[in-house]
């Protein structure tokens, strides 16, 4: 621990402001711009002391990981300094000029970039300094910049969630409408089939009932004529001797009417058929939906 403190103190104390370095920012103006960390000899590691190896710059606070980040040289361009996250979770707690570090390969640093580690540790990156230019940026400036970006990021997240919910609702609504249309079409086809099927059954039933109807009409006519003849015979004995001939002629006439009726399928069906159709259809429809 003492060696780590000494190493950290060496980075702070031995700083040539003509070379790249970090300057701290603090909420307390009396403590701001007081600490400097040299980036002359790279790489420089940042993290907590609980890490596998003690970092060069020891930090603490919310979001700071044990092996948080590293300042290193760009392998392709030697005069560039890159800040990269060492821990995948640490990438969410590294901000440059208020914007979260997005690339796992790191990001090149520019003069006077504001760097935030965690949620409240701020530094200014300086390529070189005259000890006056560092005061152009204070903790409030860096904090507001970060907060603005955080609010914007949260707004974007909320908009994405809202759009996601809207898309999910639209899909759900469309699926529901499609299901309704399918169910409606299926129901209409079932109803159509039931109507056709029962219409056929009703017609068959009417044909069967029609035979009984004609026979019942003939029976009724026979009874009527028999009753009439008996009445005539009772009231007028004079025509008694003609009864047998009259009855025979009447029955032949009735039989002829019966044959004519069988040949004419529309005989006295209209009112009767309509009544039968309505009653049977109503009973079948009520039975179907129950």
C-alpha atoms as a PDB file:
ATOM      1  CA  UNK A   1       0.000   0.000   0.000  1.00  0.00           C
ATOM      2  CA  UNK A   2       2.814   2.396   0.873  1.00  0.00           C
ATOM      3  CA  UNK A   3       4.545   1.579  -2.414  1.00  0.00           C
ATOM      4  CA  UNK A   4       1.313   2.293  -4.278  1.00  0.00           C
ATOM      5  CA  UNK A   5       0.954   5.645  -2.510  1.00  0.00           C
ATOM      6  CA  UNK A   6       4.536   6.508  -3.326  1.00  0.00           C
ATOM      7  CA  UNK A   7       4.039   5.531  -6.963  1.00  0.00           C
ATOM      8  CA  UNK A   8       0.899   7.645  -7.164  1.00  0.00           C
ATOM      9  CA  UNK A   9       2.655  10.562  -5.479  1.00  0.00           C
ATOM     10  CA  UNK A  10       5.530  10.303  -7.918  1.00  0.00           C
ATOM     11  CA  UNK A  11       3.171  10.655 -10.869  1.00  0.00           C
ATOM     12  CA  UNK A  12       1.575  13.693  -9.241  1.00  0.00           C
ATOM     13  CA  UNK A  13       4.729  15.446  -8.087  1.00  0.00           C
ATOM     14  CA  UNK A  14       7.010  14.844 -11.043  1.00  0.00           C
ATOM     15  CA  UNK A  15       4.958  16.529 -13.778  1.00  0.00           C
ATOM     16  CA  UNK A  16       6.427  18.426 -16.680  1.00  0.00           C
ATOM     17  CA  UNK A  17       3.591  20.644 -17.888  1.00  0.00           C
ATOM     18  CA  UNK A  18       5.192  20.767 -21.323  1.00  0.00           C
ATOM     19  CA  UNK A  19       4.202  17.124 -21.800  1.00  0.00           C
ATOM     20  CA  UNK A  20       0.794  15.418 -21.734  1.00  0.00           C
ATOM     21  CA  UNK A  21      -0.767  15.292 -18.279  1.00  0.00           C
ATOM     22  CA  UNK A  22      -4.055  15.258 -16.374  1.00  0.00           C
ATOM     23  CA  UNK A  23      -5.379  18.011 -14.100  1.00  0.00           C
ATOM     24  CA  UNK A  24      -8.014  17.218 -11.491  1.00  0.00           C
ATOM     25  CA  UNK A  25     -11.348  19.017 -11.115  1.00  0.00           C
ATOM     26  CA  UNK A  26     -13.131  19.115  -7.788  1.00  0.00           C
ATOM     27  CA  UNK A  27     -16.486  20.390  -6.591  1.00  0.00           C
ATOM     28  CA  UNK A  28     -14.572  22.340  -3.960  1.00  0.00           C
ATOM     29  CA  UNK A  29     -12.821  25.142  -5.865  1.00  0.00           C
ATOM     30  CA  UNK A  30     -10.050  25.158  -3.247  1.00  0.00           C
ATOM     31  CA  UNK A  31      -9.150  21.582  -4.238  1.00  0.00           C
ATOM     32  CA  UNK A  32      -9.704  21.909  -7.975  1.00  0.00           C
ATOM     33  CA  UNK A  33      -6.718  22.140 -10.394  1.00  0.00           C
ATOM     34  CA  UNK A  34      -4.366  21.123  -7.568  1.00  0.00           C
ATOM     35  CA  UNK A  35      -3.409  17.606  -8.650  1.00  0.00           C
ATOM     36  CA  UNK A  36      -1.570  16.731 -11.840  1.00  0.00           C
ATOM     37  CA  UNK A  37      -0.847  13.266 -13.231  1.00  0.00           C
ATOM     38  CA  UNK A  38       1.913  12.827 -15.802  1.00  0.00           C
ATOM     39  CA  UNK A  39       1.178  10.896 -18.997  1.00  0.00           C
ATOM     40  CA  UNK A  40       4.728  11.189 -20.287  1.00  0.00           C
ATOM     41  CA  UNK A  41       5.559   7.550 -19.627  1.00  0.00           C
ATOM     42  CA  UNK A  42       2.796   5.304 -20.889  1.00  0.00           C
ATOM     43  CA  UNK A  43       0.889   3.133 -20.267  1.00  0.00           C
ATOM     44  CA  UNK A  44      -0.735   4.569 -17.131  1.00  0.00           C
ATOM     45  CA  UNK A  45      -3.437   2.482 -15.424  1.00  0.00           C
ATOM     46  CA  UNK A  46      -6.481   3.775 -13.510  1.00  0.00           C
ATOM     47  CA  UNK A  47      -8.533   1.909 -10.897  1.00  0.00           C
ATOM     48  CA  UNK A  48      -9.073   0.948  -7.305  1.00  0.00           C
ATOM     49  CA  UNK A  49      -6.377  -0.439  -5.020  1.00  0.00           C
ATOM     50  CA  UNK A  50      -8.339  -3.708  -4.685  1.00  0.00           C
ATOM     51  CA  UNK A  51      -7.245  -4.739  -8.164  1.00  0.00           C
ATOM     52  CA  UNK A  52      -4.883  -7.560  -9.036  1.00  0.00           C
ATOM     53  CA  UNK A  53      -2.098  -5.012  -9.330  1.00  0.00           C
ATOM     54  CA  UNK A  54      -2.074  -1.533  -7.873  1.00  0.00           C
ATOM     55  CA  UNK A  55      -3.030   1.062 -10.522  1.00  0.00           C
ATOM     56  CA  UNK A  56      -0.835   4.019 -11.322  1.00  0.00           C
ATOM     57  CA  UNK A  57      -3.687   6.416 -10.585  1.00  0.00           C
ATOM     58  CA  UNK A  58      -5.789   5.314  -7.643  1.00  0.00           C
ATOM     59  CA  UNK A  59      -9.445   6.414  -7.678  1.00  0.00           C
ATOM     60  CA  UNK A  60     -12.555   5.685  -5.650  1.00  0.00           C
ATOM     61  CA  UNK A  61     -16.229   6.343  -6.018  1.00  0.00           C
ATOM     62  CA  UNK A  62     -19.376   4.995  -7.662  1.00  0.00           C
ATOM     63  CA  UNK A  63     -18.717   3.141 -10.882  1.00  0.00           C
ATOM     64  CA  UNK A  64     -14.931   2.864 -10.460  1.00  0.00           C
ATOM     65  CA  UNK A  65     -13.715  -0.657 -11.170  1.00  0.00           C
ATOM     66  CA  UNK A  66     -10.588  -2.328  -9.830  1.00  0.00           C
ATOM     67  CA  UNK A  67      -8.940  -2.381 -13.233  1.00  0.00           C
ATOM     68  CA  UNK A  68     -10.850   0.516 -14.719  1.00  0.00           C
ATOM     69  CA  UNK A  69      -8.923   2.059 -17.648  1.00  0.00           C
ATOM     70  CA  UNK A  70      -5.549   2.677 -19.264  1.00  0.00           C
ATOM     71  CA  UNK A  71      -3.913   5.662 -20.987  1.00  0.00           C
ATOM     72  CA  UNK A  72      -1.734   4.322 -23.786  1.00  0.00           C
ATOM     73  CA  UNK A  73      -0.094   5.261 -27.081  1.00  0.00           C
ATOM     74  CA  UNK A  74      -1.829   4.706 -30.367  1.00  0.00           C
ATOM     75  CA  UNK A  75      -0.011   1.738 -31.924  1.00  0.00           C
ATOM     76  CA  UNK A  76      -0.296   3.274 -35.391  1.00  0.00           C
ATOM     77  CA  UNK A  77       0.196   6.954 -34.600  1.00  0.00           C
ATOM     78  CA  UNK A  78       2.791   7.357 -31.846  1.00  0.00           C
ATOM     79  CA  UNK A  79       1.975  10.972 -31.018  1.00  0.00           C
ATOM     80  CA  UNK A  80      -1.620  10.105 -30.110  1.00  0.00           C
ATOM     81  CA  UNK A  81      -2.772   9.134 -26.634  1.00  0.00           C
ATOM     82  CA  UNK A  82      -5.732   6.797 -26.329  1.00  0.00           C
ATOM     83  CA  UNK A  83      -7.965   6.143 -23.339  1.00  0.00           C
ATOM     84  CA  UNK A  84      -9.499   2.674 -23.258  1.00  0.00           C
ATOM     85  CA  UNK A  85     -11.507   0.648 -20.752  1.00  0.00           C
ATOM     86  CA  UNK A  86      -9.914  -2.423 -19.211  1.00  0.00           C
ATOM     87  CA  UNK A  87     -13.178  -3.803 -17.809  1.00  0.00           C
ATOM     88  CA  UNK A  88     -16.271  -4.192 -20.038  1.00  0.00           C
ATOM     89  CA  UNK A  89     -18.420  -2.823 -17.218  1.00  0.00           C
ATOM     90  CA  UNK A  90     -16.061   0.133 -16.811  1.00  0.00           C
ATOM     91  CA  UNK A  91     -16.859   1.301 -20.334  1.00  0.00           C
ATOM     92  CA  UNK A  92     -20.237   2.533 -19.051  1.00  0.00           C
ATOM     93  CA  UNK A  93     -18.400   4.715 -16.510  1.00  0.00           C
ATOM     94  CA  UNK A  94     -15.925   6.494 -18.761  1.00  0.00           C
ATOM     95  CA  UNK A  95     -17.011   9.767 -20.374  1.00  0.00           C
ATOM     96  CA  UNK A  96     -15.084  12.122 -22.638  1.00  0.00           C
ATOM     97  CA  UNK A  97     -16.598  15.585 -22.998  1.00  0.00           C
ATOM     98  CA  UNK A  98     -19.793  14.245 -21.500  1.00  0.00           C
ATOM     99  CA  UNK A  99     -20.139  11.402 -23.998  1.00  0.00           C
ATOM    100  CA  UNK A 100     -19.807   7.782 -22.995  1.00  0.00           C
ATOM    101  CA  UNK A 101     -16.825   5.852 -24.314  1.00  0.00           C
ATOM    102  CA  UNK A 102     -18.360   3.656 -27.016  1.00  0.00           C
ATOM    103  CA  UNK A 103     -15.452   1.789 -28.582  1.00  0.00           C
ATOM    104  CA  UNK A 104     -13.729  -1.054 -26.798  1.00  0.00           C
ATOM    105  CA  UNK A 105     -10.586  -0.013 -28.709  1.00  0.00           C
ATOM    106  CA  UNK A 106     -10.568   3.276 -26.869  1.00  0.00           C
ATOM    107  CA  UNK A 107     -10.714   6.897 -27.975  1.00  0.00           C
ATOM    108  CA  UNK A 108      -8.045   9.375 -28.958  1.00  0.00           C
ATOM    109  CA  UNK A 109      -7.711  12.315 -26.565  1.00  0.00           C
ATOM    110  CA  UNK A 110      -7.684  15.945 -27.659  1.00  0.00           C
ATOM    111  CA  UNK A 111      -6.260  18.947 -25.855  1.00  0.00           C
ATOM    112  CA  UNK A 112      -8.531  20.078 -22.989  1.00  0.00           C
ATOM    113  CA  UNK A 113     -10.803  17.064 -23.221  1.00  0.00           C
ATOM    114  CA  UNK A 114     -12.893  16.618 -20.072  1.00  0.00           C
ATOM    115  CA  UNK A 115     -12.617  13.071 -18.735  1.00  0.00           C
ATOM    116  CA  UNK A 116     -15.031  11.591 -16.177  1.00  0.00           C
ATOM    117  CA  UNK A 117     -14.455   8.312 -14.358  1.00  0.00           C
ATOM    118  CA  UNK A 118     -17.401   6.851 -12.469  1.00  0.00           C
ATOM    119  CA  UNK A 119     -19.992   9.497 -11.663  1.00  0.00           C
ATOM    120  CA  UNK A 120     -18.035  12.320 -10.022  1.00  0.00           C
ATOM    121  CA  UNK A 121     -14.278  12.068 -10.757  1.00  0.00           C
ATOM    122  CA  UNK A 122     -13.216  14.630 -13.387  1.00  0.00           C
ATOM    123  CA  UNK A 123      -9.924  15.461 -15.124  1.00  0.00           C
ATOM    124  CA  UNK A 124      -8.748  17.742 -17.911  1.00  0.00           C
ATOM    125  CA  UNK A 125      -6.414  16.231 -20.466  1.00  0.00           C
ATOM    126  CA  UNK A 126      -3.625  18.689 -21.395  1.00  0.00           C
ATOM    127  CA  UNK A 127      -1.006  18.190 -24.085  1.00  0.00           C
ATOM    128  CA  UNK A 128       0.874  20.987 -22.408  1.00  0.00           C
ATOM    129  CA  UNK A 129      -0.004  23.905 -20.162  1.00  0.00           C
ATOM    130  CA  UNK A 130       1.094  27.357 -19.078  1.00  0.00           C
ATOM    131  CA  UNK A 131      -0.561  26.883 -15.679  1.00  0.00           C
ATOM    132  CA  UNK A 132      -3.192  29.506 -16.533  1.00  0.00           C
ATOM    133  CA  UNK A 133      -5.181  27.799 -19.293  1.00  0.00           C
ATOM    134  CA  UNK A 134      -6.276  24.998 -16.971  1.00  0.00           C
ATOM    135  CA  UNK A 135      -8.587  27.437 -15.158  1.00  0.00           C
ATOM    136  CA  UNK A 136     -10.694  27.907 -18.266  1.00  0.00           C
ATOM    137  CA  UNK A 137     -12.535  24.732 -17.265  1.00  0.00           C
ATOM    138  CA  UNK A 138     -13.927  24.044 -13.805  1.00  0.00           C
ATOM    139  CA  UNK A 139     -15.839  21.258 -12.109  1.00  0.00           C
ATOM    140  CA  UNK A 140     -19.252  22.886 -12.681  1.00  0.00           C
ATOM    141  CA  UNK A 141     -18.612  23.105 -16.418  1.00  0.00           C
ATOM    142  CA  UNK A 142     -17.593  19.453 -16.656  1.00  0.00           C
ATOM    143  CA  UNK A 143     -20.453  18.320 -14.422  1.00  0.00           C
ATOM    144  CA  UNK A 144     -23.119  20.205 -16.406  1.00  0.00           C
ATOM    145  CA  UNK A 145     -21.675  18.888 -19.637  1.00  0.00           C
ATOM    146  CA  UNK A 146     -21.864  15.339 -18.327  1.00  0.00           C
ATOM    147  CA  UNK A 147     -25.353  15.833 -16.891  1.00  0.00           C
ATOM    148  CA  UNK A 148     -26.603  17.243 -20.196  1.00  0.00           C
ATOM    149  CA  UNK A 149     -25.341  14.200 -22.050  1.00  0.00           C
ATOM    150  CA  UNK A 150     -26.755  11.867 -19.401  1.00  0.00           C
ATOM    151  CA  UNK A 151     -30.172  13.551 -19.662  1.00  0.00           C
ATOM    152  CA  UNK A 152     -30.004  13.321 -23.447  1.00  0.00           C
ATOM    153  CA  UNK A 153     -28.983   9.678 -23.221  1.00  0.00           C
ATOM    154  CA  UNK A 154     -31.860   8.936 -20.826  1.00  0.00           C
ATOM    155  CA  UNK A 155     -34.256  10.757 -23.161  1.00  0.00           C
ATOM    156  CA  UNK A 156     -33.047   8.647 -26.077  1.00  0.00           C
ATOM    157  CA  UNK A 157     -33.444   5.490 -23.986  1.00  0.00           C
ATOM    158  CA  UNK A 158     -36.980   6.534 -23.001  1.00  0.00           C
ATOM    159  CA  UNK A 159     -37.827   7.306 -26.635  1.00  0.00           C
ATOM    160  CA  UNK A 160     -36.437   3.945 -27.711  1.00  0.00           C
ATOM    161  CA  UNK A 161     -38.498   2.203 -25.030  1.00  0.00           C
ATOM    162  CA  UNK A 162     -41.594   4.167 -26.025  1.00  0.00           C
ATOM    163  CA  UNK A 163     -41.038   3.322 -29.693  1.00  0.00           C
ATOM    164  CA  UNK A 164     -40.437  -0.303 -28.764  1.00  0.00           C
ATOM    165  CA  UNK A 165     -43.675  -0.429 -26.772  1.00  0.00           C
ATOM    166  CA  UNK A 166     -45.491   1.290 -29.645  1.00  0.00           C
ATOM    167  CA  UNK A 167     -44.114  -1.215 -32.145  1.00  0.00           C
ATOM    168  CA  UNK A 168     -45.043  -4.105 -29.868  1.00  0.00           C
ATOM    169  CA  UNK A 169     -48.530  -2.644 -29.416  1.00  0.00           C
ATOM    170  CA  UNK A 170     -48.935  -2.163 -33.185  1.00  0.00           C
ATOM    171  CA  UNK A 171     -47.863  -5.776 -33.764  1.00  0.00           C
ATOM    172  CA  UNK A 172     -50.219  -6.973 -31.032  1.00  0.00           C
ATOM    173  CA  UNK A 173     -53.058  -4.874 -32.487  1.00  0.00           C
ATOM    174  CA  UNK A 174     -52.411  -6.180 -36.013  1.00  0.00           C
ATOM    175  CA  UNK A 175     -52.276  -9.777 -34.792  1.00  0.00           C
ATOM    176  CA  UNK A 176     -55.517  -9.224 -32.905  1.00  0.00           C
ATOM    177  CA  UNK A 177     -57.199  -7.696 -35.955  1.00  0.00           C
ATOM    178  CA  UNK A 178     -55.943 -10.512 -38.181  1.00  0.00           C
ATOM    179  CA  UNK A 179     -57.227 -13.073 -35.699  1.00  0.00           C
ATOM    180  CA  UNK A 180     -60.581 -11.284 -35.567  1.00  0.00           C
ATOM    181  CA  UNK A 181     -60.811 -11.324 -39.369  1.00  0.00           C
ATOM    182  CA  UNK A 182     -59.867 -15.005 -39.519  1.00  0.00           C
ATOM    183  CA  UNK A 183     -62.337 -15.918 -36.789  1.00  0.00           C
ATOM    184  CA  UNK A 184     -65.047 -13.814 -38.418  1.00  0.00           C
ATOM    185  CA  UNK A 185     -64.464 -15.422 -41.810  1.00  0.00           C
ATOM    186  CA  UNK A 186     -64.405 -18.880 -40.261  1.00  0.00           C
ATOM    187  CA  UNK A 187     -67.625 -18.147 -38.374  1.00  0.00           C
ATOM    188  CA  UNK A 188     -69.292 -16.776 -41.512  1.00  0.00           C
ATOM    189  CA  UNK A 189     -68.305 -19.906 -43.420  1.00  0.00           C
ATOM    190  CA  UNK A 190     -69.655 -22.089 -40.626  1.00  0.00           C
ATOM    191  CA  UNK A 191     -72.917 -20.127 -40.528  1.00  0.00           C
ATOM    192  CA  UNK A 192     -73.196 -20.306 -44.306  1.00  0.00           C
ATOM    193  CA  UNK A 193     -72.599 -24.042 -44.245  1.00  0.00           C
ATOM    194  CA  UNK A 194     -75.118 -24.511 -41.423  1.00  0.00           C
ATOM    195  CA  UNK A 195     -77.724 -22.457 -43.276  1.00  0.00           C
ATOM    196  CA  UNK A 196     -77.232 -24.428 -46.501  1.00  0.00           C
ATOM    197  CA  UNK A 197     -77.233 -27.742 -44.656  1.00  0.00           C
ATOM    198  CA  UNK A 198     -80.335 -26.978 -42.639  1.00  0.00           C
ATOM    199  CA  UNK A 199     -82.049 -25.440 -45.630  1.00  0.00           C
ATOM    200  CA  UNK A 200     -81.531 -28.747 -47.407  1.00  0.00           C
ATOM    201  CA  UNK A 201     -82.831 -30.661 -44.398  1.00  0.00           C
ATOM    202  CA  UNK A 202     -85.840 -28.377 -44.130  1.00  0.00           C
ATOM    203  CA  UNK A 203     -86.658 -28.867 -47.812  1.00  0.00           C
ATOM    204  CA  UNK A 204     -86.425 -32.630 -47.367  1.00  0.00           C
ATOM    205  CA  UNK A 205     -88.640 -32.342 -44.314  1.00  0.00           C
ATOM    206  CA  UNK A 206     -91.138 -30.175 -46.181  1.00  0.00           C
ATOM    207  CA  UNK A 207     -91.279 -32.726 -48.970  1.00  0.00           C
ATOM    208  CA  UNK A 208     -92.014 -35.422 -46.413  1.00  0.00           C
ATOM    209  CA  UNK A 209     -94.532 -33.236 -44.606  1.00  0.00           C
ATOM    210  CA  UNK A 210     -96.158 -32.313 -47.917  1.00  0.00           C
ATOM    211  CA  UNK A 211     -97.224 -35.895 -48.508  1.00  0.00           C
ATOM    212  CA  UNK A 212     -98.886 -36.072 -45.132  1.00  0.00           C
ATOM    213  CA  UNK A 213    -100.457 -32.681 -45.767  1.00  0.00           C
ATOM    214  CA  UNK A 214    -102.078 -33.805 -49.013  1.00  0.00           C
ATOM    215  CA  UNK A 215    -103.260 -37.037 -47.473  1.00  0.00           C
ATOM    216  CA  UNK A 216    -104.678 -35.091 -44.524  1.00  0.00           C
ATOM    217  CA  UNK A 217    -106.492 -32.731 -46.912  1.00  0.00           C
ATOM    218  CA  UNK A 218    -107.989 -35.712 -48.791  1.00  0.00           C
ATOM    219  CA  UNK A 219    -109.051 -37.281 -45.521  1.00  0.00           C
ATOM    220  CA  UNK A 220    -110.640 -34.009 -44.444  1.00  0.00           C
ATOM    221  CA  UNK A 221    -112.483 -33.708 -47.765  1.00  0.00           C
ATOM    222  CA  UNK A 222    -113.677 -37.285 -47.514  1.00  0.00           C
ATOM    223  CA  UNK A 223    -115.006 -36.685 -44.012  1.00  0.00           C
ATOM    224  CA  UNK A 224    -116.643 -33.456 -45.119  1.00  0.00           C
ATOM    225  CA  UNK A 225    -118.433 -35.035 -48.053  1.00  0.00           C
ATOM    226  CA  UNK A 226    -119.487 -38.048 -45.986  1.00  0.00           C
ATOM    227  CA  UNK A 227    -120.895 -35.780 -43.281  1.00  0.00           C
ATOM    228  CA  UNK A 228    -122.707 -33.690 -45.886  1.00  0.00           C
ATOM    229  CA  UNK A 229    -124.210 -36.735 -47.544  1.00  0.00           C
ATOM    230  CA  UNK A 230    -125.366 -38.146 -44.229  1.00  0.00           C
ATOM    231  CA  UNK A 231    -126.987 -34.827 -43.396  1.00  0.00           C
ATOM    232  CA  UNK A 232    -128.760 -34.749 -46.715  1.00  0.00           C
ATOM    233  CA  UNK A 233    -129.967 -38.296 -46.275  1.00  0.00           C
ATOM    234  CA  UNK A 234    -131.235 -37.578 -42.800  1.00  0.00           C
ATOM    235  CA  UNK A 235    -133.060 -34.419 -43.869  1.00  0.00           C
ATOM    236  CA  UNK A 236    -134.420 -35.705 -47.144  1.00  0.00           C
ATOM    237  CA  UNK A 237    -135.401 -39.309 -47.372  1.00  0.00           C
ATOM    238  CA  UNK A 238    -136.375 -38.769 -50.971  1.00  0.00           C
ATOM    239  CA  UNK A 239    -132.804 -38.854 -52.127  1.00  0.00           C
ATOM    240  CA  UNK A 240    -131.944 -41.893 -50.105  1.00  0.00           C
ATOM    241  CA  UNK A 241    -132.173 -44.179 -53.098  1.00  0.00           C
ATOM    242  CA  UNK A 242    -129.644 -41.975 -54.902  1.00  0.00           C
ATOM    243  CA  UNK A 243    -127.158 -42.042 -52.003  1.00  0.00           C
ATOM    244  CA  UNK A 244    -125.118 -44.906 -53.199  1.00  0.00           C
ATOM    245  CA  UNK A 245    -124.707 -43.531 -56.698  1.00  0.00           C
ATOM    246  CA  UNK A 246    -123.938 -40.083 -55.315  1.00  0.00           C
ATOM    247  CA  UNK A 247    -121.374 -41.415 -52.893  1.00  0.00           C
ATOM    248  CA  UNK A 248    -119.680 -43.390 -55.617  1.00  0.00           C
ATOM    249  CA  UNK A 249    -119.580 -40.389 -57.914  1.00  0.00           C
ATOM    250  CA  UNK A 250    -118.319 -38.197 -55.101  1.00  0.00           C
ATOM    251  CA  UNK A 251    -115.529 -40.582 -54.129  1.00  0.00           C
ATOM    252  CA  UNK A 252    -114.430 -40.878 -57.760  1.00  0.00           C
ATOM    253  CA  UNK A 253    -114.335 -37.101 -57.922  1.00  0.00           C
ATOM    254  CA  UNK A 254    -112.325 -36.973 -54.719  1.00  0.00           C
ATOM    255  CA  UNK A 255    -109.872 -39.567 -56.004  1.00  0.00           C
ATOM    256  CA  UNK A 256    -109.494 -37.625 -59.203  1.00  0.00           C
ATOM    257  CA  UNK A 257    -108.772 -34.509 -57.141  1.00  0.00           C
ATOM    258  CA  UNK A 258    -106.262 -36.464 -55.118  1.00  0.00           C
ATOM    259  CA  UNK A 259    -104.422 -37.579 -58.276  1.00  0.00           C
ATOM    260  CA  UNK A 260    -104.455 -34.009 -59.595  1.00  0.00           C
ATOM    261  CA  UNK A 261    -103.094 -32.804 -56.285  1.00  0.00           C
ATOM    262  CA  UNK A 262    -100.202 -35.285 -56.351  1.00  0.00           C
ATOM    263  CA  UNK A 263     -99.332 -34.134 -59.844  1.00  0.00           C
ATOM    264  CA  UNK A 264     -99.289 -30.479 -58.714  1.00  0.00           C
ATOM    265  CA  UNK A 265     -96.489 -30.079 -56.080  1.00  0.00           C
ATOM    266  CA  UNK A 266     -97.479 -26.498 -55.287  1.00  0.00           C
ATOM    267  CA  UNK A 267    -100.893 -27.530 -53.966  1.00  0.00           C
ATOM    268  CA  UNK A 268    -101.691 -25.574 -50.777  1.00  0.00           C
ATOM    269  CA  UNK A 269     -98.020 -25.517 -49.703  1.00  0.00           C
ATOM    270  CA  UNK A 270     -97.272 -21.796 -49.596  1.00  0.00           C
ATOM    271  CA  UNK A 271     -98.653 -20.823 -46.189  1.00  0.00           C
ATOM    272  CA  UNK A 272     -97.991 -24.161 -44.584  1.00  0.00           C
ATOM    273  CA  UNK A 273     -94.423 -24.456 -45.908  1.00  0.00           C
ATOM    274  CA  UNK A 274     -93.562 -20.953 -44.755  1.00  0.00           C
ATOM    275  CA  UNK A 275     -94.745 -21.703 -41.216  1.00  0.00           C
ATOM    276  CA  UNK A 276     -92.878 -24.978 -41.031  1.00  0.00           C
ATOM    277  CA  UNK A 277     -89.686 -23.378 -42.422  1.00  0.00           C
ATOM    278  CA  UNK A 278     -89.710 -20.522 -39.931  1.00  0.00           C
ATOM    279  CA  UNK A 279     -90.390 -22.703 -36.890  1.00  0.00           C
ATOM    280  CA  UNK A 280     -87.786 -25.350 -37.762  1.00  0.00           C
ATOM    281  CA  UNK A 281     -85.179 -22.792 -38.813  1.00  0.00           C
ATOM    282  CA  UNK A 282     -85.658 -20.803 -35.613  1.00  0.00           C
ATOM    283  CA  UNK A 283     -85.296 -23.914 -33.452  1.00  0.00           C
ATOM    284  CA  UNK A 284     -82.142 -25.014 -35.342  1.00  0.00           C
ATOM    285  CA  UNK A 285     -80.491 -21.572 -35.104  1.00  0.00           C
ATOM    286  CA  UNK A 286     -81.241 -21.333 -31.340  1.00  0.00           C
ATOM    287  CA  UNK A 287     -79.836 -24.844 -30.860  1.00  0.00           C
ATOM    288  CA  UNK A 288     -76.648 -23.927 -32.839  1.00  0.00           C
ATOM    289  CA  UNK A 289     -75.760 -20.830 -30.860  1.00  0.00           C
ATOM    290  CA  UNK A 290     -76.530 -22.422 -27.516  1.00  0.00           C
END
